[in-house]
Every structure is written in structure tokens, then in C-alpha cells.
N, C-alpha and C. Protein backbone atom coordinates (compact mmCIF):
# COMPACT_ATOMS: atom_id res chain seq x y z
N ILE A 1 -8.34 9.71 -26.69
CA ILE A 1 -9.30 9.73 -25.60
C ILE A 1 -8.77 8.87 -24.46
N ILE A 2 -8.92 9.38 -23.26
CA ILE A 2 -8.60 8.62 -22.05
C ILE A 2 -9.94 8.23 -21.44
N HIS A 3 -10.19 6.94 -21.30
CA HIS A 3 -11.49 6.46 -20.82
C HIS A 3 -11.69 6.77 -19.34
N ARG A 4 -10.69 6.47 -18.53
CA ARG A 4 -10.63 6.72 -17.09
C ARG A 4 -11.52 5.81 -16.23
N ASP A 5 -12.22 4.85 -16.85
CA ASP A 5 -13.05 3.94 -16.04
C ASP A 5 -13.20 2.59 -16.74
N LEU A 6 -12.08 2.03 -17.20
CA LEU A 6 -12.13 0.71 -17.83
C LEU A 6 -12.31 -0.35 -16.75
N LYS A 7 -13.33 -1.17 -16.92
CA LYS A 7 -13.65 -2.25 -15.99
C LYS A 7 -14.54 -3.23 -16.73
N PRO A 8 -14.77 -4.43 -16.18
CA PRO A 8 -15.55 -5.43 -16.92
C PRO A 8 -16.92 -4.95 -17.40
N SER A 9 -17.63 -4.18 -16.60
CA SER A 9 -18.96 -3.74 -17.01
C SER A 9 -18.93 -2.69 -18.11
N ASN A 10 -17.74 -2.15 -18.43
CA ASN A 10 -17.62 -1.17 -19.51
C ASN A 10 -16.99 -1.77 -20.77
N ILE A 11 -16.94 -3.09 -20.82
CA ILE A 11 -16.44 -3.76 -22.01
C ILE A 11 -17.50 -4.76 -22.45
N LEU A 12 -17.96 -4.59 -23.66
CA LEU A 12 -18.98 -5.45 -24.24
C LEU A 12 -18.31 -6.31 -25.30
N VAL A 13 -18.53 -7.60 -25.27
CA VAL A 13 -17.97 -8.49 -26.27
C VAL A 13 -19.11 -8.92 -27.19
N THR A 14 -18.96 -8.62 -28.48
CA THR A 14 -19.97 -8.97 -29.47
C THR A 14 -19.37 -9.92 -30.48
N LEU A 15 -20.23 -10.59 -31.23
CA LEU A 15 -19.78 -11.48 -32.29
C LEU A 15 -19.92 -10.78 -33.63
N LEU A 16 -18.87 -10.81 -34.42
CA LEU A 16 -18.88 -10.26 -35.76
C LEU A 16 -18.30 -11.32 -36.69
N ASP A 17 -19.13 -11.85 -37.56
CA ASP A 17 -18.72 -12.94 -38.45
C ASP A 17 -18.15 -14.12 -37.67
N GLY A 18 -18.77 -14.43 -36.53
CA GLY A 18 -18.35 -15.57 -35.71
C GLY A 18 -17.12 -15.32 -34.87
N LYS A 19 -16.60 -14.09 -34.87
CA LYS A 19 -15.39 -13.77 -34.11
C LYS A 19 -15.76 -12.81 -32.98
N ALA A 20 -15.26 -13.08 -31.77
CA ALA A 20 -15.53 -12.22 -30.62
C ALA A 20 -14.76 -10.92 -30.75
N ILE A 21 -15.48 -9.80 -30.65
CA ILE A 21 -14.89 -8.47 -30.77
C ILE A 21 -15.24 -7.66 -29.52
N PRO A 22 -14.22 -7.21 -28.77
CA PRO A 22 -14.51 -6.38 -27.59
C PRO A 22 -14.82 -4.95 -28.01
N LYS A 23 -15.77 -4.34 -27.33
CA LYS A 23 -16.14 -2.94 -27.56
C LYS A 23 -16.12 -2.23 -26.22
N VAL A 24 -15.43 -1.11 -26.16
CA VAL A 24 -15.41 -0.30 -24.95
C VAL A 24 -16.65 0.59 -24.98
N ILE A 25 -17.38 0.61 -23.86
CA ILE A 25 -18.60 1.41 -23.77
C ILE A 25 -18.52 2.36 -22.59
N ASP A 26 -19.51 3.20 -22.43
CA ASP A 26 -19.67 4.14 -21.32
C ASP A 26 -18.50 5.12 -21.22
N PHE A 27 -18.53 6.11 -22.07
CA PHE A 27 -17.49 7.14 -22.08
C PHE A 27 -17.90 8.35 -21.25
N GLY A 28 -18.71 8.13 -20.21
CA GLY A 28 -19.25 9.21 -19.40
C GLY A 28 -18.22 10.08 -18.72
N ILE A 29 -17.07 9.51 -18.32
CA ILE A 29 -16.03 10.32 -17.67
C ILE A 29 -14.75 10.35 -18.50
N ALA A 30 -14.88 10.00 -19.77
CA ALA A 30 -13.71 10.02 -20.66
C ALA A 30 -13.22 11.44 -20.85
N LYS A 31 -11.98 11.55 -21.27
CA LYS A 31 -11.36 12.86 -21.47
C LYS A 31 -10.66 12.86 -22.82
N ALA A 32 -10.97 13.85 -23.64
CA ALA A 32 -10.29 14.00 -24.93
C ALA A 32 -8.90 14.58 -24.68
N THR A 33 -7.93 14.10 -25.43
CA THR A 33 -6.56 14.63 -25.27
C THR A 33 -6.19 15.59 -26.38
N SER A 34 -6.96 15.59 -27.47
CA SER A 34 -6.68 16.53 -28.56
C SER A 34 -7.97 16.72 -29.37
N GLY A 35 -7.97 17.72 -30.21
CA GLY A 35 -9.12 17.97 -31.06
C GLY A 35 -10.10 18.93 -30.44
N GLN A 36 -11.27 19.06 -31.06
CA GLN A 36 -12.28 20.04 -30.66
C GLN A 36 -12.87 19.77 -29.27
N LEU A 37 -12.89 18.52 -28.81
CA LEU A 37 -13.50 18.21 -27.52
C LEU A 37 -12.60 18.53 -26.33
N THR A 38 -11.34 18.82 -26.57
CA THR A 38 -10.39 19.04 -25.49
C THR A 38 -10.87 20.10 -24.50
N ASP A 39 -11.35 21.22 -24.99
CA ASP A 39 -11.78 22.30 -24.09
C ASP A 39 -12.95 21.88 -23.20
N ASP A 40 -13.79 20.99 -23.71
CA ASP A 40 -14.96 20.56 -22.94
C ASP A 40 -14.68 19.41 -21.98
N THR A 41 -13.58 18.69 -22.17
CA THR A 41 -13.35 17.49 -21.36
C THR A 41 -12.08 17.54 -20.53
N MET A 42 -11.28 18.57 -20.63
CA MET A 42 -10.02 18.62 -19.89
C MET A 42 -10.23 19.04 -18.44
N VAL A 43 -11.36 19.65 -18.13
CA VAL A 43 -11.57 20.17 -16.79
C VAL A 43 -12.29 19.15 -15.92
N THR A 44 -11.68 18.83 -14.79
CA THR A 44 -12.31 17.98 -13.78
C THR A 44 -12.27 18.79 -12.50
N ASN A 45 -13.30 18.71 -11.72
CA ASN A 45 -13.34 19.49 -10.49
C ASN A 45 -12.13 19.18 -9.61
N PHE A 46 -11.64 20.18 -8.92
CA PHE A 46 -10.48 20.02 -8.04
C PHE A 46 -10.81 19.03 -6.93
N ALA A 47 -9.83 18.20 -6.58
CA ALA A 47 -9.95 17.22 -5.49
C ALA A 47 -11.06 16.21 -5.74
N GLN A 48 -11.23 15.83 -6.99
CA GLN A 48 -12.25 14.85 -7.34
C GLN A 48 -11.56 13.59 -7.88
N MET A 49 -11.80 12.47 -7.25
CA MET A 49 -11.24 11.20 -7.71
C MET A 49 -12.24 10.58 -8.67
N ILE A 50 -11.77 10.24 -9.88
CA ILE A 50 -12.67 9.74 -10.91
C ILE A 50 -12.29 8.31 -11.28
N GLY A 51 -13.28 7.43 -11.35
CA GLY A 51 -13.05 6.05 -11.77
C GLY A 51 -13.52 5.06 -10.73
N THR A 52 -13.42 3.80 -11.07
CA THR A 52 -13.79 2.72 -10.15
C THR A 52 -12.54 2.31 -9.39
N PRO A 53 -12.52 2.45 -8.08
CA PRO A 53 -11.29 2.29 -7.30
C PRO A 53 -10.48 1.02 -7.56
N LEU A 54 -11.09 -0.14 -7.65
CA LEU A 54 -10.31 -1.37 -7.85
C LEU A 54 -9.62 -1.42 -9.22
N TYR A 55 -10.01 -0.56 -10.15
CA TYR A 55 -9.45 -0.57 -11.50
C TYR A 55 -8.66 0.70 -11.80
N MET A 56 -8.56 1.62 -10.85
CA MET A 56 -7.91 2.90 -11.14
C MET A 56 -6.41 2.83 -10.91
N SER A 57 -5.71 3.64 -11.68
CA SER A 57 -4.26 3.71 -11.61
C SER A 57 -3.82 4.52 -10.38
N PRO A 58 -2.55 4.38 -9.99
CA PRO A 58 -2.06 5.16 -8.85
C PRO A 58 -2.23 6.67 -9.05
N GLU A 59 -2.02 7.14 -10.28
CA GLU A 59 -2.15 8.58 -10.50
C GLU A 59 -3.61 9.04 -10.42
N GLN A 60 -4.56 8.15 -10.71
CA GLN A 60 -5.97 8.50 -10.54
C GLN A 60 -6.35 8.55 -9.06
N ALA A 61 -5.63 7.81 -8.24
CA ALA A 61 -5.92 7.78 -6.80
C ALA A 61 -5.41 9.02 -6.08
N GLU A 62 -4.66 9.85 -6.78
CA GLU A 62 -4.24 11.13 -6.20
C GLU A 62 -5.46 12.04 -6.16
N ILE A 63 -5.53 12.88 -5.17
CA ILE A 63 -6.65 13.82 -5.07
C ILE A 63 -6.62 14.80 -6.24
N SER A 64 -5.45 15.22 -6.67
CA SER A 64 -5.35 16.13 -7.81
C SER A 64 -4.76 15.37 -8.99
N ALA A 65 -5.57 14.55 -9.62
CA ALA A 65 -5.12 13.70 -10.73
C ALA A 65 -5.11 14.48 -12.04
N ALA A 66 -4.41 15.61 -12.05
CA ALA A 66 -4.39 16.46 -13.22
C ALA A 66 -3.54 15.88 -14.35
N ASP A 67 -2.58 15.03 -14.02
CA ASP A 67 -1.67 14.52 -15.05
C ASP A 67 -2.00 13.09 -15.50
N VAL A 68 -3.24 12.70 -15.42
CA VAL A 68 -3.66 11.38 -15.90
C VAL A 68 -3.57 11.37 -17.42
N ASP A 69 -2.97 10.32 -17.96
CA ASP A 69 -2.87 10.20 -19.42
C ASP A 69 -3.22 8.78 -19.85
N THR A 70 -2.93 8.42 -21.09
CA THR A 70 -3.35 7.11 -21.61
C THR A 70 -2.74 5.95 -20.85
N ARG A 71 -1.62 6.16 -20.19
CA ARG A 71 -1.02 5.09 -19.40
C ARG A 71 -1.89 4.70 -18.22
N SER A 72 -2.79 5.58 -17.82
CA SER A 72 -3.75 5.25 -16.77
C SER A 72 -4.72 4.17 -17.27
N ASP A 73 -5.15 4.28 -18.52
CA ASP A 73 -6.00 3.25 -19.12
C ASP A 73 -5.22 1.95 -19.29
N VAL A 74 -3.92 2.04 -19.59
CA VAL A 74 -3.09 0.83 -19.69
C VAL A 74 -3.08 0.10 -18.35
N TYR A 75 -2.97 0.86 -17.26
CA TYR A 75 -3.02 0.25 -15.93
C TYR A 75 -4.33 -0.50 -15.73
N SER A 76 -5.44 0.13 -16.08
CA SER A 76 -6.76 -0.51 -15.94
C SER A 76 -6.86 -1.76 -16.80
N LEU A 77 -6.28 -1.72 -18.00
CA LEU A 77 -6.26 -2.92 -18.85
C LEU A 77 -5.42 -4.02 -18.20
N GLY A 78 -4.35 -3.63 -17.50
CA GLY A 78 -3.55 -4.60 -16.76
C GLY A 78 -4.35 -5.25 -15.64
N VAL A 79 -5.18 -4.46 -14.96
CA VAL A 79 -6.06 -5.01 -13.92
C VAL A 79 -7.03 -6.01 -14.55
N LEU A 80 -7.57 -5.67 -15.72
CA LEU A 80 -8.51 -6.58 -16.40
C LEU A 80 -7.82 -7.89 -16.79
N LEU A 81 -6.59 -7.82 -17.31
CA LEU A 81 -5.87 -9.05 -17.67
C LEU A 81 -5.57 -9.86 -16.41
N TYR A 82 -5.17 -9.20 -15.34
CA TYR A 82 -4.92 -9.87 -14.06
C TYR A 82 -6.18 -10.63 -13.63
N GLU A 83 -7.32 -9.95 -13.72
CA GLU A 83 -8.57 -10.57 -13.31
C GLU A 83 -8.96 -11.73 -14.23
N LEU A 84 -8.69 -11.61 -15.52
CA LEU A 84 -8.97 -12.72 -16.44
C LEU A 84 -8.12 -13.95 -16.11
N LEU A 85 -6.88 -13.71 -15.72
CA LEU A 85 -5.97 -14.82 -15.41
C LEU A 85 -6.23 -15.46 -14.05
N THR A 86 -6.61 -14.64 -13.07
CA THR A 86 -6.70 -15.13 -11.69
C THR A 86 -8.11 -15.19 -11.12
N GLY A 87 -9.06 -14.54 -11.77
CA GLY A 87 -10.42 -14.50 -11.25
C GLY A 87 -10.63 -13.46 -10.17
N THR A 88 -9.61 -12.65 -9.90
CA THR A 88 -9.70 -11.61 -8.88
C THR A 88 -8.87 -10.40 -9.29
N THR A 89 -9.18 -9.26 -8.68
CA THR A 89 -8.41 -8.05 -8.97
C THR A 89 -7.08 -8.10 -8.20
N PRO A 90 -6.11 -7.28 -8.61
CA PRO A 90 -4.80 -7.29 -7.93
C PRO A 90 -4.88 -7.03 -6.44
N PHE A 91 -5.77 -6.15 -6.03
CA PHE A 91 -5.96 -5.89 -4.60
C PHE A 91 -7.28 -6.53 -4.18
N ASP A 92 -7.24 -7.29 -3.12
CA ASP A 92 -8.37 -8.07 -2.64
C ASP A 92 -9.57 -7.17 -2.34
N ARG A 93 -10.72 -7.51 -2.92
CA ARG A 93 -11.94 -6.71 -2.74
C ARG A 93 -12.35 -6.59 -1.27
N GLU A 94 -12.28 -7.70 -0.53
CA GLU A 94 -12.68 -7.68 0.88
C GLU A 94 -11.79 -6.74 1.69
N ARG A 95 -10.50 -6.85 1.47
CA ARG A 95 -9.56 -5.97 2.19
C ARG A 95 -9.85 -4.51 1.85
N MET A 96 -10.01 -4.23 0.57
CA MET A 96 -10.20 -2.85 0.15
C MET A 96 -11.52 -2.27 0.65
N SER A 97 -12.53 -3.11 0.84
CA SER A 97 -13.81 -2.60 1.34
C SER A 97 -13.77 -2.33 2.85
N SER A 98 -12.72 -2.84 3.52
CA SER A 98 -12.65 -2.67 4.98
C SER A 98 -11.71 -1.55 5.42
N VAL A 99 -11.07 -0.87 4.45
CA VAL A 99 -10.14 0.20 4.83
C VAL A 99 -10.77 1.57 4.58
N SER A 100 -10.19 2.58 5.17
CA SER A 100 -10.69 3.95 4.97
C SER A 100 -10.36 4.43 3.56
N PHE A 101 -10.98 5.52 3.18
CA PHE A 101 -10.75 6.11 1.86
C PHE A 101 -9.28 6.45 1.66
N ASP A 102 -8.65 7.06 2.65
CA ASP A 102 -7.23 7.44 2.54
C ASP A 102 -6.33 6.21 2.48
N GLU A 103 -6.65 5.17 3.27
CA GLU A 103 -5.87 3.93 3.22
C GLU A 103 -6.00 3.28 1.85
N PHE A 104 -7.21 3.30 1.30
CA PHE A 104 -7.48 2.74 -0.02
C PHE A 104 -6.58 3.42 -1.06
N ARG A 105 -6.56 4.74 -1.05
CA ARG A 105 -5.74 5.51 -1.98
C ARG A 105 -4.26 5.20 -1.77
N GLN A 106 -3.84 5.07 -0.54
CA GLN A 106 -2.44 4.79 -0.24
C GLN A 106 -2.04 3.40 -0.76
N ILE A 107 -2.90 2.42 -0.60
CA ILE A 107 -2.62 1.07 -1.08
C ILE A 107 -2.43 1.09 -2.60
N ILE A 108 -3.35 1.75 -3.31
CA ILE A 108 -3.27 1.81 -4.77
C ILE A 108 -1.98 2.52 -5.20
N ARG A 109 -1.61 3.58 -4.50
CA ARG A 109 -0.43 4.36 -4.89
C ARG A 109 0.89 3.70 -4.50
N GLU A 110 0.92 2.93 -3.40
CA GLU A 110 2.20 2.51 -2.86
C GLU A 110 2.46 1.00 -2.84
N GLU A 111 1.43 0.18 -2.69
CA GLU A 111 1.66 -1.26 -2.57
C GLU A 111 1.72 -1.94 -3.93
N ASP A 112 2.67 -2.84 -4.08
CA ASP A 112 2.73 -3.65 -5.30
C ASP A 112 1.85 -4.88 -5.09
N PRO A 113 0.96 -5.15 -6.03
CA PRO A 113 0.13 -6.36 -5.89
C PRO A 113 0.97 -7.60 -6.15
N PRO A 114 0.52 -8.76 -5.69
CA PRO A 114 1.26 -10.00 -5.99
C PRO A 114 1.17 -10.30 -7.48
N ARG A 115 2.21 -10.95 -8.00
CA ARG A 115 2.17 -11.38 -9.41
C ARG A 115 0.99 -12.32 -9.59
N PRO A 116 0.44 -12.40 -10.80
CA PRO A 116 -0.69 -13.31 -11.02
C PRO A 116 -0.40 -14.76 -10.61
N SER A 117 0.80 -15.25 -10.91
CA SER A 117 1.12 -16.63 -10.54
C SER A 117 1.16 -16.80 -9.03
N THR A 118 1.62 -15.79 -8.32
CA THR A 118 1.63 -15.84 -6.86
C THR A 118 0.21 -15.83 -6.34
N ARG A 119 -0.64 -14.99 -6.92
CA ARG A 119 -2.05 -14.93 -6.48
C ARG A 119 -2.72 -16.29 -6.73
N LEU A 120 -2.47 -16.91 -7.86
CA LEU A 120 -3.06 -18.23 -8.15
C LEU A 120 -2.66 -19.24 -7.08
N SER A 121 -1.42 -19.16 -6.62
CA SER A 121 -0.94 -20.14 -5.63
C SER A 121 -1.63 -19.97 -4.27
N THR A 122 -2.31 -18.84 -4.05
CA THR A 122 -2.98 -18.60 -2.76
C THR A 122 -4.48 -18.83 -2.82
N LEU A 123 -5.02 -19.21 -3.97
CA LEU A 123 -6.46 -19.30 -4.13
C LEU A 123 -7.08 -20.58 -3.60
N ASP A 124 -6.28 -21.58 -3.33
CA ASP A 124 -6.76 -22.87 -2.78
C ASP A 124 -7.91 -23.45 -3.62
N ALA A 125 -9.08 -23.59 -3.04
CA ALA A 125 -10.21 -24.24 -3.72
C ALA A 125 -10.68 -23.45 -4.93
N ALA A 126 -10.58 -22.13 -4.90
CA ALA A 126 -11.02 -21.31 -6.04
C ALA A 126 -10.15 -21.53 -7.27
N LEU A 127 -8.93 -22.00 -7.08
CA LEU A 127 -8.03 -22.25 -8.22
C LEU A 127 -8.61 -23.28 -9.17
N GLU A 128 -9.26 -24.28 -8.63
CA GLU A 128 -9.91 -25.32 -9.46
C GLU A 128 -10.96 -24.68 -10.37
N THR A 129 -11.77 -23.80 -9.83
CA THR A 129 -12.81 -23.11 -10.61
C THR A 129 -12.19 -22.23 -11.69
N ILE A 130 -11.15 -21.49 -11.33
CA ILE A 130 -10.47 -20.62 -12.30
C ILE A 130 -9.86 -21.47 -13.41
N ALA A 131 -9.22 -22.55 -13.05
CA ALA A 131 -8.61 -23.44 -14.05
C ALA A 131 -9.68 -24.02 -14.98
N ASP A 132 -10.83 -24.41 -14.42
CA ASP A 132 -11.93 -24.93 -15.25
C ASP A 132 -12.38 -23.89 -16.27
N LYS A 133 -12.45 -22.64 -15.87
CA LYS A 133 -12.84 -21.57 -16.80
C LYS A 133 -11.83 -21.40 -17.92
N HIS A 134 -10.59 -21.75 -17.65
CA HIS A 134 -9.53 -21.67 -18.66
C HIS A 134 -9.37 -23.01 -19.41
N HIS A 135 -10.26 -23.95 -19.12
CA HIS A 135 -10.24 -25.28 -19.76
C HIS A 135 -8.90 -25.98 -19.56
N THR A 136 -8.41 -25.93 -18.32
CA THR A 136 -7.16 -26.58 -17.99
C THR A 136 -7.20 -27.02 -16.54
N ASP A 137 -6.10 -27.55 -16.06
CA ASP A 137 -6.02 -27.95 -14.65
C ASP A 137 -5.22 -26.90 -13.88
N PRO A 138 -5.36 -26.86 -12.56
CA PRO A 138 -4.67 -25.83 -11.75
C PRO A 138 -3.16 -25.79 -11.96
N ARG A 139 -2.53 -26.93 -12.02
CA ARG A 139 -1.07 -26.96 -12.17
C ARG A 139 -0.64 -26.35 -13.50
N THR A 140 -1.32 -26.71 -14.58
CA THR A 140 -0.99 -26.17 -15.90
C THR A 140 -1.22 -24.67 -15.95
N LEU A 141 -2.34 -24.22 -15.40
CA LEU A 141 -2.64 -22.79 -15.38
C LEU A 141 -1.54 -22.02 -14.65
N SER A 142 -1.17 -22.48 -13.48
CA SER A 142 -0.13 -21.81 -12.69
C SER A 142 1.19 -21.77 -13.47
N HIS A 143 1.52 -22.86 -14.14
CA HIS A 143 2.76 -22.93 -14.92
C HIS A 143 2.72 -21.96 -16.11
N GLU A 144 1.56 -21.89 -16.79
CA GLU A 144 1.45 -21.02 -17.96
C GLU A 144 1.49 -19.53 -17.60
N VAL A 145 0.97 -19.19 -16.45
CA VAL A 145 0.94 -17.78 -16.04
C VAL A 145 2.31 -17.32 -15.54
N ARG A 146 3.05 -18.23 -14.91
CA ARG A 146 4.37 -17.90 -14.37
C ARG A 146 5.31 -17.50 -15.50
N GLY A 147 6.06 -16.45 -15.29
CA GLY A 147 7.04 -16.01 -16.29
C GLY A 147 6.51 -14.86 -17.13
N GLU A 148 6.38 -15.10 -18.43
CA GLU A 148 6.08 -14.01 -19.36
C GLU A 148 4.73 -13.34 -19.10
N LEU A 149 3.68 -14.11 -18.78
CA LEU A 149 2.40 -13.47 -18.48
C LEU A 149 2.50 -12.63 -17.20
N ASP A 150 3.22 -13.13 -16.20
CA ASP A 150 3.49 -12.33 -15.01
C ASP A 150 4.16 -11.01 -15.40
N TRP A 151 5.18 -11.10 -16.24
CA TRP A 151 5.94 -9.92 -16.63
C TRP A 151 5.05 -8.90 -17.35
N ILE A 152 4.22 -9.39 -18.28
CA ILE A 152 3.35 -8.51 -19.05
C ILE A 152 2.37 -7.78 -18.13
N VAL A 153 1.72 -8.53 -17.27
CA VAL A 153 0.73 -7.94 -16.36
C VAL A 153 1.41 -6.94 -15.43
N MET A 154 2.53 -7.31 -14.85
CA MET A 154 3.18 -6.44 -13.88
C MET A 154 3.75 -5.18 -14.53
N LYS A 155 4.14 -5.26 -15.80
CA LYS A 155 4.57 -4.04 -16.51
C LYS A 155 3.39 -3.10 -16.68
N ALA A 156 2.22 -3.63 -16.99
CA ALA A 156 1.01 -2.79 -17.12
C ALA A 156 0.60 -2.20 -15.78
N LEU A 157 0.93 -2.88 -14.68
CA LEU A 157 0.54 -2.43 -13.34
C LEU A 157 1.64 -1.66 -12.61
N GLU A 158 2.67 -1.26 -13.31
CA GLU A 158 3.76 -0.51 -12.68
C GLU A 158 3.23 0.74 -11.98
N LYS A 159 3.71 1.01 -10.78
CA LYS A 159 3.33 2.24 -10.07
C LYS A 159 3.89 3.45 -10.81
N ASP A 160 5.13 3.34 -11.28
CA ASP A 160 5.78 4.41 -12.05
C ASP A 160 5.29 4.30 -13.49
N ARG A 161 4.44 5.22 -13.90
CA ARG A 161 3.82 5.10 -15.22
C ARG A 161 4.83 5.19 -16.36
N THR A 162 6.02 5.74 -16.10
CA THR A 162 7.03 5.79 -17.17
C THR A 162 7.57 4.40 -17.48
N ARG A 163 7.34 3.43 -16.58
CA ARG A 163 7.79 2.05 -16.81
C ARG A 163 6.67 1.17 -17.35
N ARG A 164 5.45 1.71 -17.46
CA ARG A 164 4.33 0.99 -18.04
C ARG A 164 4.44 1.02 -19.57
N TYR A 165 3.59 0.21 -20.20
CA TYR A 165 3.45 0.33 -21.64
C TYR A 165 2.96 1.74 -21.93
N ALA A 166 3.50 2.37 -22.97
CA ALA A 166 3.13 3.75 -23.29
C ALA A 166 1.71 3.85 -23.83
N THR A 167 1.27 2.81 -24.55
CA THR A 167 -0.07 2.83 -25.15
C THR A 167 -0.72 1.45 -25.02
N ALA A 168 -2.02 1.43 -25.23
CA ALA A 168 -2.75 0.16 -25.24
C ALA A 168 -2.24 -0.72 -26.38
N ASN A 169 -1.85 -0.11 -27.50
CA ASN A 169 -1.31 -0.88 -28.62
C ASN A 169 0.00 -1.57 -28.26
N ASP A 170 0.87 -0.88 -27.51
CA ASP A 170 2.12 -1.51 -27.05
C ASP A 170 1.81 -2.72 -26.17
N PHE A 171 0.83 -2.57 -25.29
CA PHE A 171 0.40 -3.65 -24.41
C PHE A 171 -0.14 -4.81 -25.24
N ALA A 172 -1.00 -4.51 -26.20
CA ALA A 172 -1.59 -5.54 -27.06
C ALA A 172 -0.52 -6.26 -27.89
N ARG A 173 0.46 -5.52 -28.38
CA ARG A 173 1.54 -6.14 -29.17
C ARG A 173 2.34 -7.13 -28.33
N ASP A 174 2.59 -6.79 -27.05
CA ASP A 174 3.34 -7.71 -26.21
C ASP A 174 2.53 -8.97 -25.92
N ILE A 175 1.23 -8.81 -25.72
CA ILE A 175 0.37 -9.99 -25.53
C ILE A 175 0.38 -10.84 -26.80
N GLN A 176 0.33 -10.19 -27.96
CA GLN A 176 0.36 -10.94 -29.23
C GLN A 176 1.69 -11.66 -29.40
N ARG A 177 2.79 -11.02 -29.00
CA ARG A 177 4.09 -11.70 -29.07
C ARG A 177 4.07 -12.95 -28.19
N TYR A 178 3.48 -12.86 -27.00
CA TYR A 178 3.37 -14.03 -26.12
C TYR A 178 2.56 -15.13 -26.81
N LEU A 179 1.43 -14.76 -27.40
CA LEU A 179 0.58 -15.74 -28.08
C LEU A 179 1.25 -16.37 -29.30
N ASN A 180 2.17 -15.62 -29.92
CA ASN A 180 2.90 -16.12 -31.09
C ASN A 180 4.20 -16.83 -30.71
N TYR A 181 4.42 -17.06 -29.41
CA TYR A 181 5.63 -17.70 -28.90
C TYR A 181 6.89 -16.92 -29.28
N GLU A 182 6.78 -15.61 -29.27
CA GLU A 182 7.91 -14.72 -29.54
C GLU A 182 8.35 -14.08 -28.23
N PRO A 183 9.59 -13.59 -28.16
CA PRO A 183 10.03 -12.93 -26.93
C PRO A 183 9.20 -11.67 -26.65
N VAL A 184 8.84 -11.48 -25.40
CA VAL A 184 8.05 -10.30 -25.02
C VAL A 184 8.99 -9.18 -24.60
N GLU A 185 8.50 -7.95 -24.71
CA GLU A 185 9.31 -6.80 -24.31
C GLU A 185 9.33 -6.62 -22.80
N ALA A 186 8.27 -7.04 -22.15
CA ALA A 186 8.19 -6.89 -20.69
C ALA A 186 9.16 -7.87 -20.05
N CYS A 187 9.84 -7.41 -19.05
CA CYS A 187 10.67 -8.30 -18.25
C CYS A 187 10.81 -7.67 -16.88
N PRO A 188 11.08 -8.49 -15.88
CA PRO A 188 11.17 -7.92 -14.52
C PRO A 188 12.36 -6.98 -14.41
N PRO A 189 12.26 -5.97 -13.54
CA PRO A 189 13.39 -5.08 -13.33
C PRO A 189 14.60 -5.86 -12.80
N SER A 190 15.75 -5.53 -13.29
CA SER A 190 16.96 -6.22 -12.86
C SER A 190 17.28 -5.88 -11.41
N THR A 191 18.13 -6.69 -10.81
CA THR A 191 18.56 -6.45 -9.44
C THR A 191 19.27 -5.10 -9.36
N ARG A 192 20.05 -4.80 -10.37
CA ARG A 192 20.78 -3.52 -10.39
C ARG A 192 19.79 -2.36 -10.42
N TYR A 193 18.74 -2.48 -11.24
CA TYR A 193 17.74 -1.41 -11.31
C TYR A 193 17.08 -1.20 -9.96
N ARG A 194 16.67 -2.33 -9.31
CA ARG A 194 16.00 -2.23 -8.01
C ARG A 194 16.94 -1.59 -7.01
């Protein structure tokens, strides 16, 4: 299933045996990729953009988003991790609310957002609040986000979906490797690649 609208209000965190468990909710615009539901969910009206703009992938921002797949949800999960780390979405809400619909789509499809550590360095007074939420100080938070967490988030937010994590499980495994102090698979593109 491709959810197509992953955002904070569609994730419910519940307690199970004292452990926080996230639950994805609101499958109203989800799309089945296989099985009996495929015939009923594969059709989306032509020229219809589906999803919440600040959380949608570049391919969802296309007017004919016929080739949206699970990597689109990986992108949205990357936006959620970005927001958890920085307190804001990759593209500034104020800026995005002041541009036209076509400019909005162009920004999502073409502009690379700043790395989370770069965004933290521009937050000024809000950085203190974000650091408090992480139970740390601003300097430590900025240091911890720089490097591997930047790499993980930016791999999930790749414009070219072939360079994103292929599945949510791949994304989760790389986060777990980071938490286990193991080398992560995400790394910035080399100079030669660029």
C-alpha cells in the first residue's frame, strides 16, 4: 500500500506495554499496489495532485503523478524526520504559502532543501526551544545532527527517487544503524557523481 499522505496528523503514537508504538492512520487516499484492491485504488483522476503539499514527494507534485510508488512515502517519512530534528519542514511554510500553485510545485520538484544541520544553524532563538524538546543544548543538537543524520534525511529527500531508500524498511534500518553506532548506508554523493 502507498499511503500518499503521510504527515504528523496521520500518525498516532500509542502506548503498548509501556512502549511508544506509532500507528499510521487515515488511508483515505492510499493506493494498493497488489492484490484484490488494486483495481479499485489504482485510478486517480487525470491532472489531480494528491497529498499534503509540504509533505509530498517531487513525483506527487507532478500534475500526472501516475508513477508514484512506495518511495514517495519514503520521501514523506524523510520530511517527518526532518521536522522531528529541526522543528520545521524542509521548505519554509511561510514561503510556500506566499507562492503560486505552479511555483509551489516547481520548488518541490527542483529545489534541494537545506540539510537539517544547516536549517538548525538558521533558527536563532527557535533553536533553544528545539534543543529543549530534545533534552539537550543547541550546540550539542547541531553537532549530533551534522553528518550521518544529515545524510540519512537527505537520502530520503532525494529528488531522484532511484537514489532514495527503496522501502520504509530500508530507511528504518539505516536509522537503527545510526542508533546502534554502526556505519550508515546513506552518504552524500561524491564530487565525481555530482
